[in-house]
């Protein structure tokens, strides 16, 4: 159809640069990959500590964040391939038999159930337009006319401010016992690909 828009027009991402997602509306996004914890296995004192730490983390924020949980079907084939290699390397028939039975057990188990892994992310936003307005008021720097997403000279300044927010979020999560590390450019591209291809990802992420 002549009037139909290409699929890319529905994707809000303009580019990914130096570990930063730049949206078409000028917004910046950083993404932290977070560790998980089994809350139910913690003692009551530990649970209260985690809840208190998370409350303190939320209270320190003066901007919104997005918490995303991705469920992915785990590909068990590389593990089975490794087991087959180990089986062929065994010196005794008894060990080969035990590995063969274990491989058969794994194959039968995954036939009746999907093995899922969960990944936890926190999306941290930054709006250059807010900083641009302050800069314009204070020094008139915006007379040079950088775009909303930041020109080459403004990108690094905006990236540093986004990273400061991400460090604040990572520190706050750390007080709740959650480790958080920023995703790099290649990791972000992979995450976005999975997010906008529903066949590979059940829960797409929305960055607007």
N, C-alpha and C. Protein backbone atom coordinates (compact mmCIF):
# COMPACT_ATOMS: atom_id res chain seq x y z
N UNK A 1 0.85 -1.19 0.00
CA UNK A 1 0.00 0.00 0.00
C UNK A 1 0.88 1.24 0.00
N UNK A 2 0.55 2.19 -0.85
CA UNK A 2 1.39 3.36 -1.05
C UNK A 2 1.43 4.24 0.19
N UNK A 3 0.30 4.29 0.96
CA UNK A 3 0.22 5.19 2.11
C UNK A 3 0.63 4.52 3.41
N UNK A 4 1.00 3.24 3.36
CA UNK A 4 1.37 2.55 4.58
C UNK A 4 2.75 3.00 5.05
N UNK A 5 2.90 3.15 6.37
CA UNK A 5 4.16 3.60 6.95
C UNK A 5 5.07 2.41 7.19
N UNK A 6 6.38 2.59 7.00
CA UNK A 6 7.29 1.49 7.29
C UNK A 6 7.27 1.16 8.78
N UNK A 7 7.63 -0.08 9.09
CA UNK A 7 7.62 -0.53 10.48
C UNK A 7 8.49 0.35 11.36
N UNK A 8 9.62 0.83 10.82
CA UNK A 8 10.55 1.62 11.62
C UNK A 8 9.92 2.90 12.15
N UNK A 9 8.87 3.39 11.48
CA UNK A 9 8.26 4.64 11.92
C UNK A 9 7.54 4.49 13.25
N UNK A 10 7.23 3.24 13.63
CA UNK A 10 6.54 3.00 14.91
C UNK A 10 7.53 2.75 16.05
N UNK A 11 8.82 2.67 15.75
CA UNK A 11 9.84 2.46 16.77
C UNK A 11 10.31 3.83 17.25
N UNK A 12 10.21 4.11 18.56
CA UNK A 12 10.55 5.45 19.06
C UNK A 12 12.03 5.74 19.14
N UNK A 13 12.89 4.77 18.82
CA UNK A 13 14.34 4.93 18.99
C UNK A 13 14.95 5.55 17.74
N UNK A 14 15.74 6.60 17.95
CA UNK A 14 16.47 7.22 16.83
C UNK A 14 17.82 6.56 16.62
N UNK A 15 18.56 6.35 17.71
CA UNK A 15 19.86 5.69 17.61
C UNK A 15 20.31 5.25 19.00
N UNK A 16 21.34 4.39 19.01
CA UNK A 16 22.00 3.98 20.25
C UNK A 16 23.46 4.39 20.13
N UNK A 17 23.93 5.19 21.08
CA UNK A 17 25.29 5.72 20.98
C UNK A 17 25.96 5.70 22.35
N UNK A 18 27.12 5.08 22.45
CA UNK A 18 27.91 5.09 23.68
C UNK A 18 27.10 4.67 24.90
N UNK A 19 26.31 3.62 24.74
CA UNK A 19 25.54 3.11 25.86
C UNK A 19 24.31 3.93 26.21
N UNK A 20 23.88 4.78 25.29
CA UNK A 20 22.71 5.64 25.52
C UNK A 20 21.70 5.44 24.40
N UNK A 21 20.44 5.26 24.77
CA UNK A 21 19.35 5.21 23.79
C UNK A 21 18.84 6.63 23.58
N UNK A 22 18.84 7.09 22.34
CA UNK A 22 18.31 8.41 22.01
C UNK A 22 16.99 8.22 21.29
N UNK A 23 15.92 8.78 21.84
CA UNK A 23 14.60 8.64 21.27
C UNK A 23 14.34 9.71 20.21
N UNK A 24 13.36 9.46 19.39
CA UNK A 24 13.02 10.41 18.33
C UNK A 24 12.47 11.70 18.89
N UNK A 25 11.90 11.65 20.10
CA UNK A 25 11.36 12.87 20.71
C UNK A 25 12.43 13.66 21.45
N UNK A 26 13.71 13.22 21.36
CA UNK A 26 14.80 13.93 22.00
C UNK A 26 15.19 13.41 23.36
N UNK A 27 14.41 12.48 23.91
CA UNK A 27 14.71 11.94 25.22
C UNK A 27 15.87 10.97 25.19
N UNK A 28 16.55 10.85 26.32
CA UNK A 28 17.64 9.91 26.48
C UNK A 28 17.21 8.82 27.46
N UNK A 29 17.72 7.60 27.25
CA UNK A 29 17.42 6.50 28.15
C UNK A 29 18.69 5.69 28.40
N UNK A 30 18.92 5.37 29.67
CA UNK A 30 19.96 4.43 30.06
C UNK A 30 19.28 3.22 30.69
N UNK A 31 19.88 2.06 30.58
CA UNK A 31 19.27 0.83 31.09
C UNK A 31 20.26 0.12 32.01
N UNK A 32 19.77 -0.25 33.19
CA UNK A 32 20.55 -1.00 34.16
C UNK A 32 20.05 -2.44 34.22
N UNK A 33 20.96 -3.39 34.14
CA UNK A 33 20.62 -4.79 34.36
C UNK A 33 20.78 -5.09 35.84
N UNK A 34 19.74 -5.64 36.46
CA UNK A 34 19.71 -5.80 37.91
C UNK A 34 19.74 -7.28 38.31
N UNK A 35 20.37 -7.54 39.43
CA UNK A 35 20.37 -8.90 39.97
C UNK A 35 19.03 -9.19 40.63
N UNK A 36 18.78 -10.46 40.86
CA UNK A 36 17.53 -10.87 41.52
C UNK A 36 17.84 -11.41 42.90
N UNK A 37 16.82 -11.47 43.72
CA UNK A 37 16.96 -12.06 45.05
C UNK A 37 15.70 -12.84 45.37
N UNK A 38 15.85 -13.97 46.03
CA UNK A 38 14.70 -14.80 46.41
C UNK A 38 14.18 -14.28 47.75
N UNK A 39 13.21 -13.39 47.67
CA UNK A 39 12.68 -12.70 48.85
C UNK A 39 12.08 -13.68 49.85
N UNK A 40 11.40 -14.71 49.35
CA UNK A 40 10.70 -15.65 50.24
C UNK A 40 11.65 -16.48 51.08
N UNK A 41 12.91 -16.61 50.64
CA UNK A 41 13.88 -17.41 51.39
C UNK A 41 14.61 -16.58 52.45
N UNK A 42 14.37 -15.29 52.48
CA UNK A 42 15.02 -14.42 53.45
C UNK A 42 14.31 -14.51 54.79
N UNK A 43 15.06 -14.22 55.85
CA UNK A 43 14.44 -14.15 57.18
C UNK A 43 13.59 -12.89 57.27
N UNK A 44 12.76 -12.81 58.29
CA UNK A 44 11.89 -11.66 58.44
C UNK A 44 12.70 -10.37 58.58
N UNK A 45 13.80 -10.45 59.31
CA UNK A 45 14.66 -9.27 59.48
C UNK A 45 15.25 -8.84 58.15
N UNK A 46 15.72 -9.83 57.36
CA UNK A 46 16.29 -9.51 56.05
C UNK A 46 15.22 -8.93 55.12
N UNK A 47 14.01 -9.48 55.15
CA UNK A 47 12.93 -8.95 54.33
C UNK A 47 12.61 -7.51 54.68
N UNK A 48 12.57 -7.21 55.96
CA UNK A 48 12.29 -5.84 56.39
C UNK A 48 13.40 -4.90 55.95
N UNK A 49 14.64 -5.40 56.00
CA UNK A 49 15.76 -4.58 55.53
C UNK A 49 15.67 -4.28 54.04
N UNK A 50 15.28 -5.29 53.25
CA UNK A 50 15.14 -5.10 51.81
C UNK A 50 14.02 -4.11 51.51
N UNK A 51 12.89 -4.27 52.18
CA UNK A 51 11.76 -3.36 51.96
C UNK A 51 12.13 -1.93 52.35
N UNK A 52 12.79 -1.79 53.51
CA UNK A 52 13.21 -0.46 53.94
C UNK A 52 14.20 0.17 52.98
N UNK A 53 15.16 -0.63 52.50
CA UNK A 53 16.13 -0.10 51.54
C UNK A 53 15.47 0.33 50.24
N UNK A 54 14.47 -0.45 49.78
CA UNK A 54 13.78 -0.09 48.54
C UNK A 54 12.92 1.16 48.73
N UNK A 55 12.30 1.30 49.90
CA UNK A 55 11.53 2.51 50.17
C UNK A 55 12.43 3.74 50.17
N UNK A 56 13.59 3.61 50.80
CA UNK A 56 14.54 4.72 50.82
C UNK A 56 15.00 5.07 49.42
N UNK A 57 15.22 4.04 48.61
CA UNK A 57 15.62 4.26 47.21
C UNK A 57 14.57 5.06 46.46
N UNK A 58 13.30 4.67 46.58
CA UNK A 58 12.23 5.39 45.89
C UNK A 58 12.10 6.83 46.39
N UNK A 59 12.31 7.02 47.67
CA UNK A 59 12.17 8.36 48.25
C UNK A 59 13.27 9.32 47.81
N UNK A 60 14.42 8.77 47.39
CA UNK A 60 15.53 9.63 46.96
C UNK A 60 15.38 10.10 45.52
N UNK A 61 14.48 9.48 44.77
CA UNK A 61 14.35 9.81 43.34
C UNK A 61 13.49 11.04 43.15
N UNK A 62 13.94 11.94 42.29
CA UNK A 62 13.12 13.08 41.89
C UNK A 62 12.78 12.99 40.40
N UNK A 63 12.88 11.78 39.86
CA UNK A 63 12.50 11.50 38.48
C UNK A 63 11.93 10.09 38.44
N UNK A 64 11.19 9.79 37.38
CA UNK A 64 10.56 8.48 37.27
C UNK A 64 11.53 7.48 36.67
N UNK A 65 11.35 6.21 37.01
CA UNK A 65 12.09 5.12 36.40
C UNK A 65 11.09 4.05 35.98
N UNK A 66 11.52 3.20 35.08
CA UNK A 66 10.68 2.10 34.60
C UNK A 66 11.35 0.78 34.96
N UNK A 67 10.62 -0.08 35.66
CA UNK A 67 11.12 -1.40 36.02
C UNK A 67 10.53 -2.43 35.06
N UNK A 68 11.39 -3.19 34.40
CA UNK A 68 10.97 -4.11 33.35
C UNK A 68 11.46 -5.52 33.68
N UNK A 69 10.59 -6.49 33.54
CA UNK A 69 10.95 -7.89 33.71
C UNK A 69 10.76 -8.59 32.37
N UNK A 70 11.83 -9.20 31.87
CA UNK A 70 11.78 -9.94 30.61
C UNK A 70 11.82 -11.43 30.89
N UNK A 71 10.86 -12.15 30.37
CA UNK A 71 10.85 -13.60 30.45
C UNK A 71 11.29 -14.16 29.10
N UNK A 72 12.35 -14.93 29.10
CA UNK A 72 12.88 -15.49 27.86
C UNK A 72 12.91 -17.01 27.95
N UNK A 73 12.56 -17.64 26.85
CA UNK A 73 12.67 -19.09 26.79
C UNK A 73 14.14 -19.47 26.68
N UNK A 74 14.58 -20.29 27.61
CA UNK A 74 15.99 -20.65 27.66
C UNK A 74 16.32 -21.70 26.61
N UNK A 75 17.38 -21.45 25.85
CA UNK A 75 17.85 -22.41 24.86
C UNK A 75 18.79 -23.39 25.54
N UNK A 76 18.34 -24.63 25.71
CA UNK A 76 19.09 -25.64 26.45
C UNK A 76 20.02 -26.44 25.55
N UNK A 77 19.96 -26.19 24.23
CA UNK A 77 20.74 -26.99 23.30
C UNK A 77 22.26 -26.91 23.52
N UNK A 78 22.82 -25.71 23.80
CA UNK A 78 24.27 -25.68 24.05
C UNK A 78 24.68 -26.52 25.26
N UNK A 79 23.82 -26.54 26.27
CA UNK A 79 24.12 -27.36 27.46
C UNK A 79 24.10 -28.84 27.11
N UNK A 80 23.11 -29.25 26.31
CA UNK A 80 23.05 -30.65 25.90
C UNK A 80 24.24 -31.02 25.03
N UNK A 81 24.66 -30.09 24.16
CA UNK A 81 25.84 -30.35 23.34
C UNK A 81 27.09 -30.53 24.19
N UNK A 82 27.22 -29.72 25.25
CA UNK A 82 28.37 -29.86 26.15
C UNK A 82 28.34 -31.21 26.86
N UNK A 83 27.15 -31.63 27.28
CA UNK A 83 27.03 -32.93 27.95
C UNK A 83 27.41 -34.08 27.02
N UNK A 84 27.00 -33.97 25.76
CA UNK A 84 27.37 -35.02 24.79
C UNK A 84 28.88 -35.08 24.59
N UNK A 85 29.53 -33.92 24.55
CA UNK A 85 30.99 -33.90 24.42
C UNK A 85 31.65 -34.56 25.63
N UNK A 86 31.14 -34.23 26.83
CA UNK A 86 31.70 -34.81 28.04
C UNK A 86 31.47 -36.32 28.08
N UNK A 87 30.33 -36.75 27.58
CA UNK A 87 30.03 -38.19 27.57
C UNK A 87 31.04 -38.94 26.72
N UNK A 88 31.38 -38.39 25.58
CA UNK A 88 32.34 -39.05 24.69
C UNK A 88 33.75 -39.07 25.26
N UNK A 89 34.01 -38.19 26.24
CA UNK A 89 35.35 -38.10 26.82
C UNK A 89 35.53 -39.00 28.05
N UNK A 90 34.43 -39.59 28.50
CA UNK A 90 34.52 -40.41 29.71
C UNK A 90 35.30 -41.70 29.45
N UNK A 91 36.10 -42.09 30.45
CA UNK A 91 36.97 -43.27 30.29
C UNK A 91 36.25 -44.57 30.58
N UNK A 92 35.19 -44.52 31.38
CA UNK A 92 34.49 -45.75 31.76
C UNK A 92 33.08 -45.78 31.18
N UNK A 93 32.60 -46.97 30.89
CA UNK A 93 31.27 -47.14 30.35
C UNK A 93 30.20 -46.73 31.36
N UNK A 94 30.48 -46.91 32.65
CA UNK A 94 29.52 -46.53 33.69
C UNK A 94 29.25 -45.03 33.67
N UNK A 95 30.29 -44.21 33.56
CA UNK A 95 30.12 -42.75 33.51
C UNK A 95 29.39 -42.34 32.24
N UNK A 96 29.71 -43.01 31.13
CA UNK A 96 29.02 -42.69 29.88
C UNK A 96 27.54 -43.02 29.99
N UNK A 97 27.23 -44.15 30.65
CA UNK A 97 25.83 -44.55 30.83
C UNK A 97 25.08 -43.55 31.70
N UNK A 98 25.71 -43.09 32.77
CA UNK A 98 25.07 -42.13 33.66
C UNK A 98 24.81 -40.80 32.95
N UNK A 99 25.76 -40.34 32.16
CA UNK A 99 25.57 -39.10 31.41
C UNK A 99 24.49 -39.26 30.35
N UNK A 100 24.47 -40.42 29.69
CA UNK A 100 23.46 -40.69 28.68
C UNK A 100 22.06 -40.65 29.30
N UNK A 101 21.91 -41.24 30.47
CA UNK A 101 20.61 -41.23 31.15
C UNK A 101 20.24 -39.81 31.59
N UNK A 102 21.22 -39.06 32.03
CA UNK A 102 20.95 -37.68 32.46
C UNK A 102 20.51 -36.82 31.28
N UNK A 103 21.17 -37.00 30.12
CA UNK A 103 20.79 -36.26 28.91
C UNK A 103 19.38 -36.62 28.50
N UNK A 104 19.03 -37.90 28.56
CA UNK A 104 17.68 -38.33 28.21
C UNK A 104 16.65 -37.73 29.16
N UNK A 105 17.02 -37.63 30.44
CA UNK A 105 16.11 -37.03 31.42
C UNK A 105 15.86 -35.55 31.10
N UNK A 106 16.92 -34.81 30.78
CA UNK A 106 16.78 -33.39 30.45
C UNK A 106 15.92 -33.22 29.19
N UNK A 107 16.17 -34.04 28.17
CA UNK A 107 15.41 -33.94 26.92
C UNK A 107 13.93 -34.23 27.16
N UNK A 108 13.62 -35.24 27.95
CA UNK A 108 12.22 -35.56 28.24
C UNK A 108 11.56 -34.47 29.07
N UNK A 109 12.33 -33.87 29.96
CA UNK A 109 11.78 -32.83 30.84
C UNK A 109 11.40 -31.59 30.04
N UNK A 110 12.26 -31.16 29.12
CA UNK A 110 12.00 -29.92 28.39
C UNK A 110 10.95 -30.11 27.30
N UNK A 111 10.64 -31.35 26.93
CA UNK A 111 9.59 -31.58 25.95
C UNK A 111 8.23 -31.18 26.49
N UNK A 112 8.01 -31.33 27.79
CA UNK A 112 6.70 -31.04 28.36
C UNK A 112 6.61 -29.69 29.03
N UNK A 113 7.71 -28.91 29.06
CA UNK A 113 7.67 -27.62 29.73
C UNK A 113 8.70 -26.68 29.11
N UNK A 114 8.32 -25.41 29.02
CA UNK A 114 9.25 -24.39 28.55
C UNK A 114 10.09 -23.90 29.74
N UNK A 115 11.41 -23.94 29.59
CA UNK A 115 12.30 -23.46 30.63
C UNK A 115 12.53 -21.97 30.40
N UNK A 116 12.09 -21.15 31.36
CA UNK A 116 12.14 -19.71 31.20
C UNK A 116 13.19 -19.11 32.13
N UNK A 117 13.85 -18.09 31.64
CA UNK A 117 14.75 -17.29 32.48
C UNK A 117 14.20 -15.87 32.54
N UNK A 118 14.42 -15.21 33.65
CA UNK A 118 13.92 -13.85 33.84
C UNK A 118 15.10 -12.89 34.00
N UNK A 119 15.00 -11.76 33.32
CA UNK A 119 15.99 -10.70 33.43
C UNK A 119 15.28 -9.44 33.91
N UNK A 120 15.96 -8.70 34.78
CA UNK A 120 15.35 -7.53 35.40
C UNK A 120 16.13 -6.27 35.00
N UNK A 121 15.39 -5.26 34.54
CA UNK A 121 16.00 -4.03 34.07
C UNK A 121 15.33 -2.82 34.74
N UNK A 122 16.11 -1.75 34.88
CA UNK A 122 15.57 -0.45 35.27
C UNK A 122 15.96 0.54 34.18
N UNK A 123 14.95 1.19 33.60
CA UNK A 123 15.17 2.18 32.55
C UNK A 123 15.19 3.56 33.20
N UNK A 124 16.30 4.28 32.99
CA UNK A 124 16.48 5.60 33.60
C UNK A 124 16.35 6.68 32.52
N UNK A 125 15.43 7.65 32.70
CA UNK A 125 15.21 8.66 31.67
C UNK A 125 16.00 9.94 31.93
N UNK A 126 16.21 10.67 30.86
CA UNK A 126 16.76 12.03 30.96
C UNK A 126 16.22 12.85 29.80
N UNK A 127 15.75 14.05 30.10
CA UNK A 127 15.17 14.93 29.08
C UNK A 127 16.11 16.11 28.85
N UNK A 128 16.87 16.12 27.75
CA UNK A 128 17.78 17.23 27.48
C UNK A 128 17.07 18.58 27.39
N UNK A 129 15.80 18.57 27.04
CA UNK A 129 15.07 19.83 26.89
C UNK A 129 15.02 20.62 28.19
N UNK A 130 14.96 19.89 29.34
CA UNK A 130 14.95 20.57 30.63
C UNK A 130 16.28 21.28 30.88
N UNK A 131 17.36 20.57 30.62
CA UNK A 131 18.68 21.17 30.80
C UNK A 131 18.91 22.30 29.81
N UNK A 132 18.42 22.12 28.57
CA UNK A 132 18.59 23.15 27.56
C UNK A 132 17.89 24.43 27.96
N UNK A 133 16.71 24.32 28.57
CA UNK A 133 15.97 25.51 28.98
C UNK A 133 16.70 26.23 30.10
N UNK A 134 17.28 25.48 31.04
CA UNK A 134 18.04 26.10 32.11
C UNK A 134 19.28 26.80 31.56
N UNK A 135 19.97 26.12 30.64
CA UNK A 135 21.17 26.72 30.04
C UNK A 135 20.84 27.98 29.28
N UNK A 136 19.69 27.97 28.62
CA UNK A 136 19.27 29.14 27.85
C UNK A 136 19.00 30.31 28.78
N UNK A 137 18.38 30.03 29.89
CA UNK A 137 18.04 31.08 30.84
C UNK A 137 19.29 31.66 31.48
N UNK A 138 20.26 30.79 31.81
CA UNK A 138 21.44 31.24 32.54
C UNK A 138 22.49 31.89 31.67
N UNK A 139 22.72 31.33 30.51
CA UNK A 139 23.87 31.80 29.74
C UNK A 139 23.61 32.06 28.27
N UNK A 140 22.41 31.75 27.79
CA UNK A 140 22.12 31.98 26.38
C UNK A 140 22.85 31.05 25.45
N UNK A 141 23.30 29.91 25.94
CA UNK A 141 24.06 28.98 25.11
C UNK A 141 23.22 28.39 23.99
N UNK A 142 21.89 28.35 24.19
CA UNK A 142 21.04 27.73 23.19
C UNK A 142 20.92 28.58 21.93
N UNK A 143 21.53 29.76 21.89
CA UNK A 143 21.52 30.55 20.67
C UNK A 143 22.29 29.86 19.55
N UNK A 144 23.17 28.91 19.95
CA UNK A 144 23.91 28.15 18.94
C UNK A 144 23.02 27.13 18.26
N UNK A 145 21.86 26.85 18.88
CA UNK A 145 20.86 26.04 18.22
C UNK A 145 21.07 24.56 18.16
N UNK A 146 21.53 23.87 19.24
CA UNK A 146 21.58 22.41 19.18
C UNK A 146 20.19 21.83 19.19
N UNK A 147 20.04 20.65 18.62
CA UNK A 147 18.74 20.02 18.55
C UNK A 147 18.34 19.48 19.90
N UNK A 148 17.06 19.01 20.00
CA UNK A 148 16.55 18.49 21.27
C UNK A 148 17.32 17.27 21.72
N UNK A 149 17.77 16.46 20.76
CA UNK A 149 18.50 15.25 21.11
C UNK A 149 19.98 15.53 21.35
N UNK A 150 20.39 16.79 21.12
CA UNK A 150 21.77 17.17 21.40
C UNK A 150 22.65 17.01 20.19
N UNK A 151 23.41 18.10 19.85
CA UNK A 151 24.38 18.00 18.80
C UNK A 151 25.60 17.25 19.29
N UNK A 152 26.64 17.21 18.46
CA UNK A 152 27.85 16.49 18.84
C UNK A 152 28.45 17.06 20.11
N UNK A 153 28.40 18.46 20.27
CA UNK A 153 29.01 19.07 21.43
C UNK A 153 28.16 18.89 22.67
N UNK A 154 26.85 18.67 22.53
CA UNK A 154 25.97 18.56 23.67
C UNK A 154 25.78 17.12 24.14
N UNK A 155 26.03 16.16 23.27
CA UNK A 155 25.74 14.77 23.61
C UNK A 155 26.51 14.33 24.84
N UNK A 156 27.80 14.62 24.90
CA UNK A 156 28.60 14.17 26.04
C UNK A 156 28.11 14.79 27.34
N UNK A 157 27.71 16.05 27.29
CA UNK A 157 27.18 16.70 28.49
C UNK A 157 25.91 16.00 28.96
N UNK A 158 25.01 15.69 28.03
CA UNK A 158 23.77 15.01 28.39
C UNK A 158 24.04 13.59 28.88
N UNK A 159 25.00 12.92 28.23
CA UNK A 159 25.33 11.55 28.62
C UNK A 159 25.86 11.52 30.05
N UNK A 160 26.69 12.48 30.41
CA UNK A 160 27.24 12.54 31.77
C UNK A 160 26.12 12.72 32.79
N UNK A 161 25.16 13.59 32.47
CA UNK A 161 24.05 13.82 33.39
C UNK A 161 23.17 12.58 33.51
N UNK A 162 22.97 11.85 32.40
CA UNK A 162 22.22 10.60 32.46
C UNK A 162 22.98 9.57 33.31
N UNK A 163 24.29 9.49 33.15
CA UNK A 163 25.08 8.54 33.91
C UNK A 163 25.04 8.87 35.40
N UNK A 164 24.96 10.15 35.74
CA UNK A 164 24.84 10.54 37.14
C UNK A 164 23.53 10.01 37.72
N UNK A 165 22.47 10.10 36.94
CA UNK A 165 21.19 9.54 37.39
C UNK A 165 21.28 8.03 37.54
N UNK A 166 21.93 7.38 36.59
CA UNK A 166 22.06 5.93 36.65
C UNK A 166 22.88 5.50 37.87
N UNK A 167 23.91 6.26 38.20
CA UNK A 167 24.72 5.95 39.39
C UNK A 167 23.89 6.11 40.65
N UNK A 168 23.03 7.13 40.67
CA UNK A 168 22.15 7.34 41.82
C UNK A 168 21.19 6.15 41.98
N UNK A 169 20.63 5.70 40.86
CA UNK A 169 19.71 4.57 40.89
C UNK A 169 20.44 3.30 41.33
N UNK A 170 21.63 3.07 40.77
CA UNK A 170 22.40 1.87 41.12
C UNK A 170 22.76 1.87 42.60
N UNK A 171 23.13 3.03 43.14
CA UNK A 171 23.45 3.13 44.55
C UNK A 171 22.24 2.87 45.43
N UNK A 172 21.08 3.40 45.02
CA UNK A 172 19.87 3.18 45.79
C UNK A 172 19.44 1.73 45.78
N UNK A 173 19.56 1.08 44.64
CA UNK A 173 19.23 -0.34 44.56
C UNK A 173 20.20 -1.18 45.38
N UNK A 174 21.46 -0.74 45.43
CA UNK A 174 22.45 -1.45 46.22
C UNK A 174 22.08 -1.47 47.70
N UNK A 175 21.44 -0.39 48.18
CA UNK A 175 21.03 -0.36 49.58
C UNK A 175 19.92 -1.37 49.86
N UNK A 176 19.25 -1.82 48.82
CA UNK A 176 18.21 -2.85 48.96
C UNK A 176 18.74 -4.24 48.62
N UNK A 177 20.05 -4.34 48.44
CA UNK A 177 20.66 -5.64 48.16
C UNK A 177 20.59 -6.06 46.71
N UNK A 178 20.35 -5.10 45.80
CA UNK A 178 20.25 -5.41 44.37
C UNK A 178 21.43 -4.79 43.64
N UNK A 179 22.20 -5.61 42.94
CA UNK A 179 23.30 -5.10 42.13
C UNK A 179 22.78 -4.65 40.77
N UNK A 180 23.27 -3.52 40.29
CA UNK A 180 22.82 -2.99 39.00
C UNK A 180 24.02 -2.52 38.20
N UNK A 181 24.09 -2.94 36.95
CA UNK A 181 25.18 -2.54 36.06
C UNK A 181 24.58 -1.99 34.76
N UNK A 182 25.17 -0.94 34.19
CA UNK A 182 24.64 -0.36 32.95
C UNK A 182 24.92 -1.24 31.75
N UNK A 183 23.99 -1.25 30.82
CA UNK A 183 24.18 -1.98 29.56
C UNK A 183 25.00 -1.13 28.60
N UNK A 184 25.87 -1.81 27.85
CA UNK A 184 26.63 -1.14 26.80
C UNK A 184 25.84 -1.06 25.51
N UNK A 185 26.47 -0.51 24.48
CA UNK A 185 25.77 -0.27 23.21
C UNK A 185 25.26 -1.57 22.59
N UNK A 186 26.12 -2.59 22.48
CA UNK A 186 25.71 -3.84 21.86
C UNK A 186 24.61 -4.52 22.66
N UNK A 187 24.71 -4.45 23.99
CA UNK A 187 23.68 -5.06 24.84
C UNK A 187 22.35 -4.34 24.69
N UNK A 188 22.40 -3.02 24.55
CA UNK A 188 21.17 -2.26 24.34
C UNK A 188 20.52 -2.59 23.00
N UNK A 189 21.34 -2.74 21.98
CA UNK A 189 20.80 -3.07 20.66
C UNK A 189 20.12 -4.43 20.70
N UNK A 190 20.74 -5.40 21.38
CA UNK A 190 20.13 -6.72 21.50
C UNK A 190 18.81 -6.63 22.27
N UNK A 191 18.81 -5.87 23.35
CA UNK A 191 17.60 -5.71 24.16
C UNK A 191 16.48 -5.08 23.33
N UNK A 192 16.80 -4.05 22.56
CA UNK A 192 15.79 -3.38 21.74
C UNK A 192 15.27 -4.30 20.66
N UNK A 193 16.17 -5.10 20.06
CA UNK A 193 15.73 -6.03 19.02
C UNK A 193 14.71 -7.01 19.59
N UNK A 194 15.04 -7.57 20.74
CA UNK A 194 14.11 -8.52 21.36
C UNK A 194 12.82 -7.84 21.77
N UNK A 195 12.91 -6.59 22.19
CA UNK A 195 11.73 -5.87 22.68
C UNK A 195 10.75 -5.57 21.55
N UNK A 196 11.26 -5.32 20.36
CA UNK A 196 10.38 -4.94 19.25
C UNK A 196 10.14 -6.08 18.27
N UNK A 197 10.55 -7.30 18.65
CA UNK A 197 10.23 -8.50 17.88
C UNK A 197 9.49 -9.44 18.82
N UNK A 198 8.18 -9.36 18.77
CA UNK A 198 7.36 -10.09 19.75
C UNK A 198 7.53 -11.59 19.62
N UNK A 199 8.02 -12.08 18.50
CA UNK A 199 8.25 -13.51 18.37
C UNK A 199 9.39 -13.97 19.26
N UNK A 200 10.34 -13.04 19.56
CA UNK A 200 11.48 -13.38 20.40
C UNK A 200 11.29 -12.90 21.84
N UNK A 201 10.36 -11.99 22.04
CA UNK A 201 10.19 -11.41 23.36
C UNK A 201 8.72 -11.23 23.65
N UNK A 202 8.24 -11.83 24.74
CA UNK A 202 6.82 -11.79 25.06
C UNK A 202 6.40 -10.45 25.62
N UNK A 203 7.29 -9.76 26.34
CA UNK A 203 6.92 -8.52 27.01
C UNK A 203 7.73 -7.37 26.47
N UNK A 204 7.30 -6.72 25.38
CA UNK A 204 8.08 -5.63 24.81
C UNK A 204 8.18 -4.46 25.78
N UNK A 205 9.27 -3.74 25.68
CA UNK A 205 9.52 -2.62 26.56
C UNK A 205 9.07 -1.34 25.87
N UNK A 206 8.46 -0.42 26.59
CA UNK A 206 7.98 0.84 26.03
C UNK A 206 8.80 1.97 26.63
N UNK A 207 9.47 2.73 25.77
CA UNK A 207 10.44 3.73 26.23
C UNK A 207 9.88 5.13 26.21
N UNK A 208 8.66 5.32 25.76
CA UNK A 208 8.10 6.67 25.73
C UNK A 208 7.74 7.14 27.12
